Amino acid sequence: MNYRHAFHAGNFADVLKHAVLLGLIEALQAKPAPLCYLDTHAGSGRYLLGGEEARKTGEAAGGVLRLAAAHALPPPLQRYLDQVRALNAGDALDVYPGSPLLAAQALRADDRAVLCELHPEEAASLRALFRDDKRVHVHQRDGYAALKALLPPAEKRGLVLIDPPFEAQEDEFRAIEAALADAWKRWPGGVYAVWYPIKLRRHVLPFHRWLAASGMKNVWVAELLVHPDNTALRLNGAGMAIVNAPWQFERRLAAILPALARLLAPDGGQQRLERLTGERA
């Protein structure tokens, strides 16, 4: 699976990921101390929904565009949608922000963002996008390796988003496990959010078992399925695994998951929220 993001910008998986991401930043900002946001696979930062890649798949129609047409959204989803709309003129959604741009919108003046992207063209796009924002630092490097060099951050509090393209398919989970285990040892107080695709359930279960046995604290998984997870021929769902989830963050997840399943999978979606470890893992 080569998850080139320009083809999938604004799809259901993005809606889940970005709604959770903004919720985590908001929860961390309940305290006044500055925070650091680190993105291991940042991409180019912004995408055109009318661009050639996005038009080939049309996946935004079943994601952010469907959400934009809905009414009476739960507050966390409405805040996410407002952030997307803020980057667009008028009612049309032509620009979809990647995680770096959404996070930068939400960060305070004394917060900081560290964006890692290995691909030269996408790293150059990131630098151009944030050239006037001194809070944002772009590194053209492997995001997994960057965790060893950049953690813990000077702020001592914050969030790491691990959102790889899953080019290695099942092996990507093993790469995540190795990187996350090392990062957590270096910075056990950080919040870690891992995005993952769901094609077949059996591919995901070993990762969940590893998390449950990892010794990490307060680990939750939130998943959204728009198709049954019994075929490897398509992206059936997506999940977010959260390590050191902020206090009562599961309540935010419980507020958005049913709405996402109802709105983005009208033919019968599924949602799942499960705690894998507690405060004393």
C-alpha atoms as a PDB file:
ATOM      1  CA  MET A   1       0.000   0.000   0.000  1.00  0.00           C
ATOM      2  CA  ASN A   2       1.533   3.296  -1.107  1.00  0.00           C
ATOM      3  CA  TYR A   3      -0.519   5.974   0.611  1.00  0.00           C
ATOM      4  CA  ARG A   4       0.476   9.035  -1.447  1.00  0.00           C
ATOM      5  CA  HIS A   5      -1.461  11.668   0.347  1.00  0.00           C
ATOM      6  CA  ALA A   6      -2.288  13.969  -2.540  1.00  0.00           C
ATOM      7  CA  PHE A   7      -4.562  11.223  -3.897  1.00  0.00           C
ATOM      8  CA  HIS A   8      -6.410  10.815  -0.589  1.00  0.00           C
ATOM      9  CA  ALA A   9      -6.550  14.310   0.883  1.00  0.00           C
ATOM     10  CA  GLY A  10      -9.750  14.999   2.759  1.00  0.00           C
ATOM     11  CA  ASN A  11     -10.979  11.407   2.767  1.00  0.00           C
ATOM     12  CA  PHE A  12     -12.657   9.730   5.750  1.00  0.00           C
ATOM     13  CA  ALA A  13      -9.295   8.714   7.211  1.00  0.00           C
ATOM     14  CA  ASP A  14      -8.118  12.329   7.149  1.00  0.00           C
ATOM     15  CA  VAL A  15     -11.277  13.494   8.870  1.00  0.00           C
ATOM     16  CA  LEU A  16     -10.727  11.025  11.712  1.00  0.00           C
ATOM     17  CA  LYS A  17      -7.013  11.773  12.004  1.00  0.00           C
ATOM     18  CA  HIS A  18      -7.336  15.531  11.929  1.00  0.00           C
ATOM     19  CA  ALA A  19     -10.315  15.755  14.253  1.00  0.00           C
ATOM     20  CA  VAL A  20      -8.353  13.696  16.801  1.00  0.00           C
ATOM     21  CA  LEU A  21      -5.184  15.730  16.218  1.00  0.00           C
ATOM     22  CA  LEU A  22      -6.893  19.058  16.862  1.00  0.00           C
ATOM     23  CA  GLY A  23      -8.612  17.609  19.915  1.00  0.00           C
ATOM     24  CA  LEU A  24      -5.272  16.522  21.359  1.00  0.00           C
ATOM     25  CA  ILE A  25      -3.728  19.946  20.806  1.00  0.00           C
ATOM     26  CA  GLU A  26      -6.733  21.607  22.416  1.00  0.00           C
ATOM     27  CA  ALA A  27      -6.517  19.280  25.411  1.00  0.00           C
ATOM     28  CA  LEU A  28      -2.815  19.987  25.875  1.00  0.00           C
ATOM     29  CA  GLN A  29      -3.444  23.723  25.642  1.00  0.00           C
ATOM     30  CA  ALA A  30      -5.655  23.538  28.733  1.00  0.00           C
ATOM     31  CA  LYS A  31      -2.360  24.226  30.530  1.00  0.00           C
ATOM     32  CA  PRO A  32      -0.575  27.518  29.788  1.00  0.00           C
ATOM     33  CA  ALA A  33       2.946  26.095  29.424  1.00  0.00           C
ATOM     34  CA  PRO A  34       4.245  25.953  25.823  1.00  0.00           C
ATOM     35  CA  LEU A  35       4.105  22.684  23.925  1.00  0.00           C
ATOM     36  CA  CYS A  36       5.994  21.085  21.056  1.00  0.00           C
ATOM     37  CA  TYR A  37       4.262  19.370  18.135  1.00  0.00           C
ATOM     38  CA  LEU A  38       6.419  16.898  16.196  1.00  0.00           C
ATOM     39  CA  ASP A  39       5.210  15.380  12.912  1.00  0.00           C
ATOM     40  CA  THR A  40       7.292  12.428  11.677  1.00  0.00           C
ATOM     41  CA  HIS A  41       5.845  12.204   8.142  1.00  0.00           C
ATOM     42  CA  ALA A  42       4.601  15.703   7.455  1.00  0.00           C
ATOM     43  CA  GLY A  43       3.943  15.624   3.699  1.00  0.00           C
ATOM     44  CA  SER A  44       3.630  18.874   1.772  1.00  0.00           C
ATOM     45  CA  GLY A  45       1.267  20.605   4.214  1.00  0.00           C
ATOM     46  CA  ARG A  46      -1.623  21.514   1.919  1.00  0.00           C
ATOM     47  CA  TYR A  47      -3.514  19.883  -0.943  1.00  0.00           C
ATOM     48  CA  LEU A  48      -5.845  21.044  -3.696  1.00  0.00           C
ATOM     49  CA  LEU A  49      -9.075  19.049  -3.754  1.00  0.00           C
ATOM     50  CA  GLY A  50      -9.493  20.080  -7.377  1.00  0.00           C
ATOM     51  CA  GLY A  51      -5.981  18.957  -8.274  1.00  0.00           C
ATOM     52  CA  GLU A  52      -5.231  16.097 -10.621  1.00  0.00           C
ATOM     53  CA  GLU A  53      -4.371  13.588  -7.909  1.00  0.00           C
ATOM     54  CA  ALA A  54      -7.406  14.301  -5.725  1.00  0.00           C
ATOM     55  CA  ARG A  55      -9.762  14.278  -8.716  1.00  0.00           C
ATOM     56  CA  LYS A  56      -8.545  10.832  -9.761  1.00  0.00           C
ATOM     57  CA  THR A  57      -9.880   9.264  -6.586  1.00  0.00           C
ATOM     58  CA  GLY A  58     -12.620  11.690  -5.550  1.00  0.00           C
ATOM     59  CA  GLU A  59     -12.214  10.469  -1.974  1.00  0.00           C
ATOM     60  CA  ALA A  60     -12.862  13.863  -0.424  1.00  0.00           C
ATOM     61  CA  ALA A  61     -16.494  13.518  -1.518  1.00  0.00           C
ATOM     62  CA  GLY A  62     -16.916  10.772   1.061  1.00  0.00           C
ATOM     63  CA  GLY A  63     -14.922  12.611   3.680  1.00  0.00           C
ATOM     64  CA  VAL A  64     -14.594  16.314   4.414  1.00  0.00           C
ATOM     65  CA  LEU A  65     -17.069  17.371   1.713  1.00  0.00           C
ATOM     66  CA  ARG A  66     -19.749  15.095   3.130  1.00  0.00           C
ATOM     67  CA  LEU A  67     -19.048  16.419   6.592  1.00  0.00           C
ATOM     68  CA  ALA A  68     -19.311  20.003   5.309  1.00  0.00           C
ATOM     69  CA  ALA A  69     -22.824  19.303   4.056  1.00  0.00           C
ATOM     70  CA  ALA A  70     -23.996  17.951   7.419  1.00  0.00           C
ATOM     71  CA  HIS A  71     -25.788  19.874  10.164  1.00  0.00           C
ATOM     72  CA  ALA A  72     -25.555  19.953  13.957  1.00  0.00           C
ATOM     73  CA  LEU A  73     -22.099  18.404  14.200  1.00  0.00           C
ATOM     74  CA  PRO A  74     -20.639  17.551  17.607  1.00  0.00           C
ATOM     75  CA  PRO A  75     -18.517  20.507  18.778  1.00  0.00           C
ATOM     76  CA  PRO A  76     -15.123  18.803  18.194  1.00  0.00           C
ATOM     77  CA  LEU A  77     -16.062  18.031  14.579  1.00  0.00           C
ATOM     78  CA  GLN A  78     -17.419  21.532  14.064  1.00  0.00           C
ATOM     79  CA  ARG A  79     -14.151  23.023  15.310  1.00  0.00           C
ATOM     80  CA  TYR A  80     -12.205  20.808  12.905  1.00  0.00           C
ATOM     81  CA  LEU A  81     -14.437  21.839   9.993  1.00  0.00           C
ATOM     82  CA  ASP A  82     -14.113  25.512  10.938  1.00  0.00           C
ATOM     83  CA  GLN A  83     -10.331  25.147  10.781  1.00  0.00           C
ATOM     84  CA  VAL A  84     -10.560  23.690   7.268  1.00  0.00           C
ATOM     85  CA  ARG A  85     -12.973  26.407   6.141  1.00  0.00           C
ATOM     86  CA  ALA A  86     -10.638  29.111   7.460  1.00  0.00           C
ATOM     87  CA  LEU A  87      -8.169  28.208   4.698  1.00  0.00           C
ATOM     88  CA  ASN A  88     -10.767  28.559   1.950  1.00  0.00           C
ATOM     89  CA  ALA A  89     -12.516  31.563   0.458  1.00  0.00           C
ATOM     90  CA  GLY A  90     -16.305  31.441   0.403  1.00  0.00           C
ATOM     91  CA  ASP A  91     -18.278  28.251   0.879  1.00  0.00           C
ATOM     92  CA  ALA A  92     -16.312  25.994  -1.480  1.00  0.00           C
ATOM     93  CA  LEU A  93     -13.608  23.761  -0.029  1.00  0.00           C
ATOM     94  CA  ASP A  94     -10.795  23.890  -2.572  1.00  0.00           C
ATOM     95  CA  VAL A  95      -7.831  23.625  -0.195  1.00  0.00           C
ATOM     96  CA  TYR A  96      -7.401  20.822   2.282  1.00  0.00           C
ATOM     97  CA  PRO A  97      -4.774  21.288   5.020  1.00  0.00           C
ATOM     98  CA  GLY A  98      -2.429  18.499   5.963  1.00  0.00           C
ATOM     99  CA  SER A  99      -1.580  17.826   9.582  1.00  0.00           C
ATOM    100  CA  PRO A 100       1.242  20.419   9.715  1.00  0.00           C
ATOM    101  CA  LEU A 101      -0.977  23.268   8.567  1.00  0.00           C
ATOM    102  CA  LEU A 102      -3.877  22.314  10.819  1.00  0.00           C
ATOM    103  CA  ALA A 103      -1.535  22.040  13.787  1.00  0.00           C
ATOM    104  CA  ALA A 104       0.155  25.353  13.018  1.00  0.00           C
ATOM    105  CA  GLN A 105      -3.255  27.040  12.880  1.00  0.00           C
ATOM    106  CA  ALA A 106      -4.026  25.738  16.347  1.00  0.00           C
ATOM    107  CA  LEU A 107      -0.685  26.432  18.025  1.00  0.00           C
ATOM    108  CA  ARG A 108      -0.237  29.427  20.292  1.00  0.00           C
ATOM    109  CA  ALA A 109       2.444  32.081  19.876  1.00  0.00           C
ATOM    110  CA  ASP A 110       4.878  30.333  22.231  1.00  0.00           C
ATOM    111  CA  ASP A 111       4.188  26.796  21.020  1.00  0.00           C
ATOM    112  CA  ARG A 112       6.531  25.152  18.507  1.00  0.00           C
ATOM    113  CA  ALA A 113       6.181  22.729  15.586  1.00  0.00           C
ATOM    114  CA  VAL A 114       8.883  20.387  14.249  1.00  0.00           C
ATOM    115  CA  LEU A 115       8.038  18.891  10.853  1.00  0.00           C
ATOM    116  CA  CYS A 116       9.986  15.977   9.376  1.00  0.00           C
ATOM    117  CA  GLU A 117       9.662  14.993   5.726  1.00  0.00           C
ATOM    118  CA  LEU A 118      12.136  12.864   3.785  1.00  0.00           C
ATOM    119  CA  HIS A 119      10.885  13.541   0.236  1.00  0.00           C
ATOM    120  CA  PRO A 120      12.805  16.548  -1.181  1.00  0.00           C
ATOM    121  CA  GLU A 121       9.904  18.129  -3.082  1.00  0.00           C
ATOM    122  CA  GLU A 122       7.486  17.836  -0.195  1.00  0.00           C
ATOM    123  CA  ALA A 123      10.059  19.157   2.265  1.00  0.00           C
ATOM    124  CA  ALA A 124      10.592  22.131  -0.052  1.00  0.00           C
ATOM    125  CA  SER A 125       6.824  22.734  -0.136  1.00  0.00           C
ATOM    126  CA  LEU A 126       6.761  22.706   3.660  1.00  0.00           C
ATOM    127  CA  ARG A 127       9.567  25.225   3.882  1.00  0.00           C
ATOM    128  CA  ALA A 128       7.813  27.524   1.436  1.00  0.00           C
ATOM    129  CA  LEU A 129       4.510  27.178   3.274  1.00  0.00           C
ATOM    130  CA  PHE A 130       6.001  28.106   6.662  1.00  0.00           C
ATOM    131  CA  ARG A 131       8.829  30.419   5.623  1.00  0.00           C
ATOM    132  CA  ASP A 132       7.316  33.316   7.599  1.00  0.00           C
ATOM    133  CA  ASP A 133       6.336  31.309  10.687  1.00  0.00           C
ATOM    134  CA  LYS A 134       9.174  31.242  13.194  1.00  0.00           C
ATOM    135  CA  ARG A 135       7.335  28.724  15.366  1.00  0.00           C
ATOM    136  CA  VAL A 136       7.705  26.064  12.662  1.00  0.00           C
ATOM    137  CA  HIS A 137      10.938  24.172  11.920  1.00  0.00           C
ATOM    138  CA  VAL A 138      11.197  21.871   8.882  1.00  0.00           C
ATOM    139  CA  HIS A 139      13.675  18.971   8.732  1.00  0.00           C
ATOM    140  CA  GLN A 140      14.300  16.978   5.568  1.00  0.00           C
ATOM    141  CA  ARG A 141      15.031  13.675   7.243  1.00  0.00           C
ATOM    142  CA  ASP A 142      13.585  10.299   8.134  1.00  0.00           C
ATOM    143  CA  GLY A 143      10.933  10.847  10.764  1.00  0.00           C
ATOM    144  CA  TYR A 144      11.625   7.665  12.708  1.00  0.00           C
ATOM    145  CA  ALA A 145      15.313   8.518  13.018  1.00  0.00           C
ATOM    146  CA  ALA A 146      14.425  12.098  13.954  1.00  0.00           C
ATOM    147  CA  LEU A 147      12.663  10.891  17.098  1.00  0.00           C
ATOM    148  CA  LYS A 148      16.011   9.755  18.491  1.00  0.00           C
ATOM    149  CA  ALA A 149      17.612  13.112  17.792  1.00  0.00           C
ATOM    150  CA  LEU A 150      14.786  15.485  18.699  1.00  0.00           C
ATOM    151  CA  LEU A 151      13.227  13.961  21.813  1.00  0.00           C
ATOM    152  CA  PRO A 152      12.673  15.052  24.469  1.00  0.00           C
ATOM    153  CA  PRO A 153      11.866  18.584  23.309  1.00  0.00           C
ATOM    154  CA  ALA A 154      12.960  21.637  25.256  1.00  0.00           C
ATOM    155  CA  GLU A 155       9.340  22.332  26.218  1.00  0.00           C
ATOM    156  CA  LYS A 156       9.126  18.927  28.001  1.00  0.00           C
ATOM    157  CA  ARG A 157       5.457  18.614  26.991  1.00  0.00           C
ATOM    158  CA  GLY A 158       3.644  18.119  23.725  1.00  0.00           C
ATOM    159  CA  LEU A 159       2.542  15.740  21.018  1.00  0.00           C
ATOM    160  CA  VAL A 160       4.147  13.460  18.430  1.00  0.00           C
ATOM    161  CA  LEU A 161       2.128  12.445  15.360  1.00  0.00           C
ATOM    162  CA  ILE A 162       3.351   9.298  13.606  1.00  0.00           C
ATOM    163  CA  ASP A 163       1.571   9.146  10.263  1.00  0.00           C
ATOM    164  CA  PRO A 164       3.636   7.113   7.750  1.00  0.00           C
ATOM    165  CA  PRO A 165       2.522   6.318   4.170  1.00  0.00           C
ATOM    166  CA  PHE A 166       2.559   2.560   4.927  1.00  0.00           C
ATOM    167  CA  GLU A 167       4.625   1.765   1.851  1.00  0.00           C
ATOM    168  CA  ALA A 168       5.975  -1.228   3.782  1.00  0.00           C
ATOM    169  CA  GLN A 169       2.428  -2.431   4.542  1.00  0.00           C
ATOM    170  CA  GLU A 170       2.498  -4.847   7.505  1.00  0.00           C
ATOM    171  CA  ASP A 171       6.202  -4.185   8.093  1.00  0.00           C
ATOM    172  CA  GLU A 172       5.334  -0.530   8.753  1.00  0.00           C
ATOM    173  CA  PHE A 173       3.709  -1.554  12.028  1.00  0.00           C
ATOM    174  CA  ARG A 174       6.979  -3.139  13.136  1.00  0.00           C
ATOM    175  CA  ALA A 175       8.853   0.068  12.227  1.00  0.00           C
ATOM    176  CA  ILE A 176       6.334   2.083  14.248  1.00  0.00           C
ATOM    177  CA  GLU A 177       6.727  -0.223  17.233  1.00  0.00           C
ATOM    178  CA  ALA A 178      10.512   0.114  17.238  1.00  0.00           C
ATOM    179  CA  ALA A 179      10.423   3.899  16.858  1.00  0.00           C
ATOM    180  CA  LEU A 180       7.651   4.384  19.398  1.00  0.00           C
ATOM    181  CA  ALA A 181       9.299   2.169  22.022  1.00  0.00           C
ATOM    182  CA  ASP A 182      12.534   4.140  21.750  1.00  0.00           C
ATOM    183  CA  ALA A 183      10.745   7.510  21.733  1.00  0.00           C
ATOM    184  CA  TRP A 184       8.718   6.629  24.823  1.00  0.00           C
ATOM    185  CA  LYS A 185      11.880   5.664  26.709  1.00  0.00           C
ATOM    186  CA  ARG A 186      13.399   9.025  25.826  1.00  0.00           C
ATOM    187  CA  TRP A 187      10.235  10.994  26.589  1.00  0.00           C
ATOM    188  CA  PRO A 188       7.754   8.982  28.661  1.00  0.00           C
ATOM    189  CA  GLY A 189       5.628  12.045  29.397  1.00  0.00           C
ATOM    190  CA  GLY A 190       4.882  12.914  25.781  1.00  0.00           C
ATOM    191  CA  VAL A 191       1.587  12.251  24.030  1.00  0.00           C
ATOM    192  CA  TYR A 192       1.935  10.023  20.949  1.00  0.00           C
ATOM    193  CA  ALA A 193      -0.713   9.618  18.250  1.00  0.00           C
ATOM    194  CA  VAL A 194      -0.283   6.940  15.581  1.00  0.00           C
ATOM    195  CA  TRP A 195      -2.429   6.825  12.452  1.00  0.00           C
ATOM    196  CA  TYR A 196      -2.856   3.445  10.752  1.00  0.00           C
ATOM    197  CA  PRO A 197      -4.911   2.048   7.846  1.00  0.00           C
ATOM    198  CA  ILE A 198      -7.284  -0.884   8.218  1.00  0.00           C
ATOM    199  CA  LYS A 199      -7.581  -3.299   5.333  1.00  0.00           C
ATOM    200  CA  LEU A 200      -7.638  -6.674   7.079  1.00  0.00           C
ATOM    201  CA  ARG A 201      -8.212  -6.905  10.830  1.00  0.00           C
ATOM    202  CA  ARG A 202      -5.510  -9.544  11.215  1.00  0.00           C
ATOM    203  CA  HIS A 203      -2.911  -7.011  10.084  1.00  0.00           C
ATOM    204  CA  VAL A 204      -3.844  -4.620  12.911  1.00  0.00           C
ATOM    205  CA  LEU A 205      -4.245  -7.029  15.823  1.00  0.00           C
ATOM    206  CA  PRO A 206      -0.502  -7.668  16.398  1.00  0.00           C
ATOM    207  CA  PHE A 207       0.040  -3.912  16.738  1.00  0.00           C
ATOM    208  CA  HIS A 208      -2.734  -3.669  19.320  1.00  0.00           C
ATOM    209  CA  ARG A 209      -1.304  -6.625  21.241  1.00  0.00           C
ATOM    210  CA  TRP A 210       2.116  -4.971  21.201  1.00  0.00           C
ATOM    211  CA  LEU A 211       0.671  -1.722  22.545  1.00  0.00           C
ATOM    212  CA  ALA A 212      -1.180  -3.576  25.298  1.00  0.00           C
ATOM    213  CA  ALA A 213       2.037  -5.284  26.420  1.00  0.00           C
ATOM    214  CA  SER A 214       4.339  -2.284  25.870  1.00  0.00           C
ATOM    215  CA  GLY A 215       4.223  -0.823  29.366  1.00  0.00           C
ATOM    216  CA  MET A 216       3.028   2.517  27.989  1.00  0.00           C
ATOM    217  CA  LYS A 217       0.339   4.344  29.918  1.00  0.00           C
ATOM    218  CA  ASN A 218      -3.237   5.270  29.095  1.00  0.00           C
ATOM    219  CA  VAL A 219      -3.311   3.845  25.569  1.00  0.00           C
ATOM    220  CA  TRP A 220      -6.549   4.184  23.599  1.00  0.00           C
ATOM    221  CA  VAL A 221      -7.459   3.185  20.061  1.00  0.00           C
ATOM    222  CA  ALA A 222     -10.189   4.894  18.045  1.00  0.00           C
ATOM    223  CA  GLU A 223     -11.239   3.350  14.749  1.00  0.00           C
ATOM    224  CA  LEU A 224     -13.633   4.176  11.940  1.00  0.00           C
ATOM    225  CA  LEU A 225     -14.659   1.572   9.357  1.00  0.00           C
ATOM    226  CA  VAL A 226     -16.584   2.561   6.247  1.00  0.00           C
ATOM    227  CA  HIS A 227     -16.433  -0.984   4.828  1.00  0.00           C
ATOM    228  CA  PRO A 228     -16.137  -4.390   6.515  1.00  0.00           C
ATOM    229  CA  ASP A 229     -12.515  -5.192   7.308  1.00  0.00           C
ATOM    230  CA  ASN A 230     -12.398  -8.420   5.319  1.00  0.00           C
ATOM    231  CA  THR A 231     -10.732  -7.463   2.028  1.00  0.00           C
ATOM    232  CA  ALA A 232      -7.189  -6.324   1.358  1.00  0.00           C
ATOM    233  CA  LEU A 233      -8.180  -4.707  -1.942  1.00  0.00           C
ATOM    234  CA  ARG A 234      -9.199  -1.352  -0.489  1.00  0.00           C
ATOM    235  CA  LEU A 235      -8.872   0.954   2.491  1.00  0.00           C
ATOM    236  CA  ASN A 236     -11.753  -0.193   4.672  1.00  0.00           C
ATOM    237  CA  GLY A 237     -11.049   1.943   7.687  1.00  0.00           C
ATOM    238  CA  ALA A 238      -8.503   3.837   9.714  1.00  0.00           C
ATOM    239  CA  GLY A 239      -7.474   4.082  13.311  1.00  0.00           C
ATOM    240  CA  MET A 240      -5.669   6.324  15.764  1.00  0.00           C
ATOM    241  CA  ALA A 241      -3.684   4.852  18.634  1.00  0.00           C
ATOM    242  CA  ILE A 242      -3.020   7.372  21.403  1.00  0.00           C
ATOM    243  CA  VAL A 243      -0.363   6.885  24.081  1.00  0.00           C
ATOM    244  CA  ASN A 244      -0.586   9.011  27.236  1.00  0.00           C
ATOM    245  CA  ALA A 245      -4.026  10.218  26.216  1.00  0.00           C
ATOM    246  CA  PRO A 246      -4.910  13.450  28.058  1.00  0.00           C
ATOM    247  CA  TRP A 247      -7.291  13.268  31.001  1.00  0.00           C
ATOM    248  CA  GLN A 248     -10.785  12.243  29.910  1.00  0.00           C
ATOM    249  CA  PHE A 249      -9.821  12.483  26.241  1.00  0.00           C
ATOM    250  CA  GLU A 250     -11.857   9.355  25.612  1.00  0.00           C
ATOM    251  CA  ARG A 251     -14.974  11.486  26.128  1.00  0.00           C
ATOM    252  CA  ARG A 252     -14.038  13.561  23.073  1.00  0.00           C
ATOM    253  CA  LEU A 253     -13.489  10.403  21.079  1.00  0.00           C
ATOM    254  CA  ALA A 254     -16.829   8.992  22.190  1.00  0.00           C
ATOM    255  CA  ALA A 255     -18.509  12.208  21.034  1.00  0.00           C
ATOM    256  CA  ILE A 256     -17.145  12.128  17.476  1.00  0.00           C
ATOM    257  CA  LEU A 257     -16.887   8.459  16.495  1.00  0.00           C
ATOM    258  CA  PRO A 258     -20.627   7.677  16.240  1.00  0.00           C
ATOM    259  CA  ALA A 259     -21.194  10.859  14.228  1.00  0.00           C
ATOM    260  CA  LEU A 260     -18.365   9.987  11.847  1.00  0.00           C
ATOM    261  CA  ALA A 261     -19.704   6.477  11.328  1.00  0.00           C
ATOM    262  CA  ARG A 262     -23.190   7.822  10.649  1.00  0.00           C
ATOM    263  CA  LEU A 263     -22.100  10.612   8.316  1.00  0.00           C
ATOM    264  CA  LEU A 264     -19.191   9.072   6.447  1.00  0.00           C
ATOM    265  CA  ALA A 265     -20.491   5.514   6.134  1.00  0.00           C
ATOM    266  CA  PRO A 266     -24.237   5.929   5.585  1.00  0.00           C
ATOM    267  CA  ASP A 267     -24.593   2.358   4.329  1.00  0.00           C
ATOM    268  CA  GLY A 268     -23.451   0.972   7.629  1.00  0.00           C
ATOM    269  CA  GLY A 269     -20.175   2.048   9.166  1.00  0.00           C
ATOM    270  CA  GLN A 270     -18.576   0.825  12.337  1.00  0.00           C
ATOM    271  CA  GLN A 271     -16.694   2.647  15.052  1.00  0.00           C
ATOM    272  CA  ARG A 272     -14.615   1.328  17.886  1.00  0.00           C
ATOM    273  CA  LEU A 273     -13.146   2.911  20.992  1.00  0.00           C
ATOM    274  CA  GLU A 274     -11.050   0.722  23.294  1.00  0.00           C
ATOM    275  CA  ARG A 275      -8.635   1.274  26.126  1.00  0.00           C
ATOM    276  CA  LEU A 276      -5.590  -0.979  25.805  1.00  0.00           C
ATOM    277  CA  THR A 277      -3.723   0.116  28.947  1.00  0.00           C
ATOM    278  CA  GLY A 278      -4.540   2.195  31.995  1.00  0.00           C
ATOM    279  CA  GLU A 279      -2.649   4.798  33.970  1.00  0.00           C
ATOM    280  CA  ARG A 280      -0.359   2.117  35.392  1.00  0.00           C
ATOM    281  CA  ALA A 281       0.339  -0.066  32.391  1.00  0.00           C
END
